[in-house]
Amino acid sequence: MDIRPIKNEQDYNFAINRIEELWGAKRDTPEGDELDLLVTLVESYEMKHYPIAPPDPVDTIKFRIEQMGNTSRSITCIVISLVILYRFQVNCIHINAIPLFRKGLDNFFYLPTSIN
């Protein structure tokens, strides 16, 4: 086992290829230990050189609503409602009273009836 830090793309590609060779190695074996170390090094290198930005909150909401099969009109209503709720800092009891949230979005948001 000859493990070195990943300093450039060539080292990165070598580590990826070696991971593919070792994939499926049993734990607590020299191959399994090498696999664990290489995966850790690759994760660290990828986080530094290929960062993934967090998703835009509005795009995330739109994506989830589209997954649920709702139309763009529904999206508009929900986004407007969220803006209103945010602006006026309405609590969870008020949110539950809004029909838009009570019909069809019960699985989208967890809306407690009270705050303990």
Protein backbone atom coordinates (compact mmCIF):
# COMPACT_ATOMS: atom_id res chain seq x y z
CA MET A 1 0.00 0.00 0.00
CA ASP A 2 1.62 3.19 -1.24
CA ILE A 3 -0.76 6.04 -0.43
CA ARG A 4 0.24 9.64 -1.02
CA PRO A 5 -1.62 12.96 -0.88
CA ILE A 6 -3.58 13.95 -3.96
CA LYS A 7 -1.88 17.09 -5.24
CA ASN A 8 -3.00 17.31 -8.88
CA GLU A 9 -5.33 15.82 -11.49
CA GLN A 10 -2.90 13.02 -12.31
CA ASP A 11 -2.85 11.91 -8.66
CA TYR A 12 -6.62 12.25 -8.54
CA ASN A 13 -7.14 10.08 -11.63
CA PHE A 14 -4.72 7.48 -10.29
CA ALA A 15 -6.64 7.36 -6.99
CA ILE A 16 -9.99 7.03 -8.79
CA ASN A 17 -8.67 4.13 -10.88
CA ARG A 18 -7.24 2.43 -7.80
CA ILE A 19 -10.57 2.84 -5.98
CA GLU A 20 -12.31 1.12 -8.89
CA GLU A 21 -9.83 -1.76 -8.64
CA LEU A 22 -10.34 -2.07 -4.89
CA TRP A 23 -14.12 -1.63 -4.93
CA GLY A 24 -15.77 -4.44 -3.00
CA ALA A 25 -12.73 -5.20 -0.85
CA LYS A 26 -13.58 -6.67 2.53
CA ARG A 27 -13.23 -4.57 5.66
CA ASP A 28 -10.27 -5.01 7.96
CA THR A 29 -8.07 -6.27 5.15
CA PRO A 30 -5.11 -4.39 3.66
CA GLU A 31 -7.17 -3.78 0.49
CA GLY A 32 -10.14 -2.55 2.52
CA ASP A 33 -7.95 -0.20 4.51
CA GLU A 34 -6.38 1.15 1.32
CA LEU A 35 -9.84 1.69 -0.16
CA ASP A 36 -10.99 3.62 2.94
CA LEU A 37 -7.93 5.86 2.85
CA LEU A 38 -8.19 6.55 -0.88
CA VAL A 39 -11.89 7.39 -0.65
CA THR A 40 -11.14 9.85 2.16
CA LEU A 41 -8.38 11.51 0.14
CA VAL A 42 -10.55 11.73 -2.98
CA GLU A 43 -13.46 13.23 -1.00
CA SER A 44 -11.16 15.88 0.41
CA TYR A 45 -9.70 16.70 -3.01
CA GLU A 46 -13.15 16.90 -4.62
CA MET A 47 -14.53 19.18 -1.91
CA LYS A 48 -11.64 21.57 -2.50
CA HIS A 49 -11.43 21.44 -6.30
CA TYR A 50 -15.01 20.59 -7.32
CA PRO A 51 -17.25 22.25 -4.73
CA ILE A 52 -20.99 21.86 -5.07
CA ALA A 53 -22.86 25.05 -4.28
CA PRO A 54 -26.01 24.73 -2.17
CA PRO A 55 -29.20 24.82 -4.22
CA ASP A 56 -31.18 28.03 -4.60
CA PRO A 57 -34.14 27.82 -2.17
CA VAL A 58 -36.70 29.00 -4.72
CA ASP A 59 -35.47 26.53 -7.35
CA THR A 60 -35.60 23.77 -4.74
CA ILE A 61 -39.21 24.59 -3.92
CA LYS A 62 -40.12 24.75 -7.62
CA PHE A 63 -38.45 21.41 -8.28
CA ARG A 64 -40.30 19.72 -5.42
CA ILE A 65 -43.65 21.16 -6.48
CA GLU A 66 -43.10 20.02 -10.06
CA GLN A 67 -42.23 16.54 -8.76
CA MET A 68 -45.58 16.53 -7.01
CA GLY A 69 -47.29 17.21 -10.35
CA ASN A 70 -48.52 20.72 -9.65
CA THR A 71 -48.76 23.37 -12.34
CA SER A 72 -46.90 26.65 -12.73
CA ARG A 73 -50.00 28.43 -11.39
CA SER A 74 -49.69 26.43 -8.18
CA ILE A 75 -46.04 27.35 -7.98
CA THR A 76 -46.87 31.02 -8.32
CA CYS A 77 -49.49 30.82 -5.57
CA ILE A 78 -47.17 28.97 -3.24
CA VAL A 79 -44.24 31.31 -3.82
CA ILE A 80 -46.47 34.35 -3.24
CA SER A 81 -47.82 32.74 -0.08
CA LEU A 82 -44.30 32.03 1.18
CA VAL A 83 -43.28 35.62 0.54
CA ILE A 84 -46.33 36.89 2.43
CA LEU A 85 -45.72 34.48 5.30
CA TYR A 86 -42.07 35.49 5.50
CA ARG A 87 -42.82 39.19 5.31
CA PHE A 88 -45.41 39.10 8.07
CA GLN A 89 -43.71 36.34 10.10
CA VAL A 90 -46.89 34.35 10.46
CA ASN A 91 -46.66 31.47 12.92
CA CYS A 92 -47.45 27.79 12.30
CA ILE A 93 -51.05 28.08 13.47
CA HIS A 94 -51.73 30.75 10.84
CA ILE A 95 -49.99 28.68 8.16
CA ASN A 96 -52.26 25.72 8.88
CA ALA A 97 -55.30 27.95 8.46
CA ILE A 98 -54.38 28.83 4.87
CA PRO A 99 -56.24 26.47 2.51
CA LEU A 100 -53.33 26.48 0.05
CA PHE A 101 -51.18 24.75 2.63
CA ARG A 102 -53.90 22.45 3.93
CA LYS A 103 -54.77 21.05 0.48
CA GLY A 104 -52.11 19.13 -1.37
CA LEU A 105 -49.02 20.26 0.46
CA ASP A 106 -49.31 18.20 3.63
CA ASN A 107 -46.48 15.98 2.39
CA PHE A 108 -44.37 18.91 1.24
CA PHE A 109 -44.08 20.84 4.48
CA TYR A 110 -44.15 19.65 8.05
CA LEU A 111 -46.49 22.13 9.68
CA PRO A 112 -46.96 21.62 13.41
CA THR A 113 -50.12 23.06 14.92
CA SER A 114 -48.24 24.59 17.80
CA ILE A 115 -44.74 25.45 18.87
CA ASN A 116 -43.65 23.88 22.14
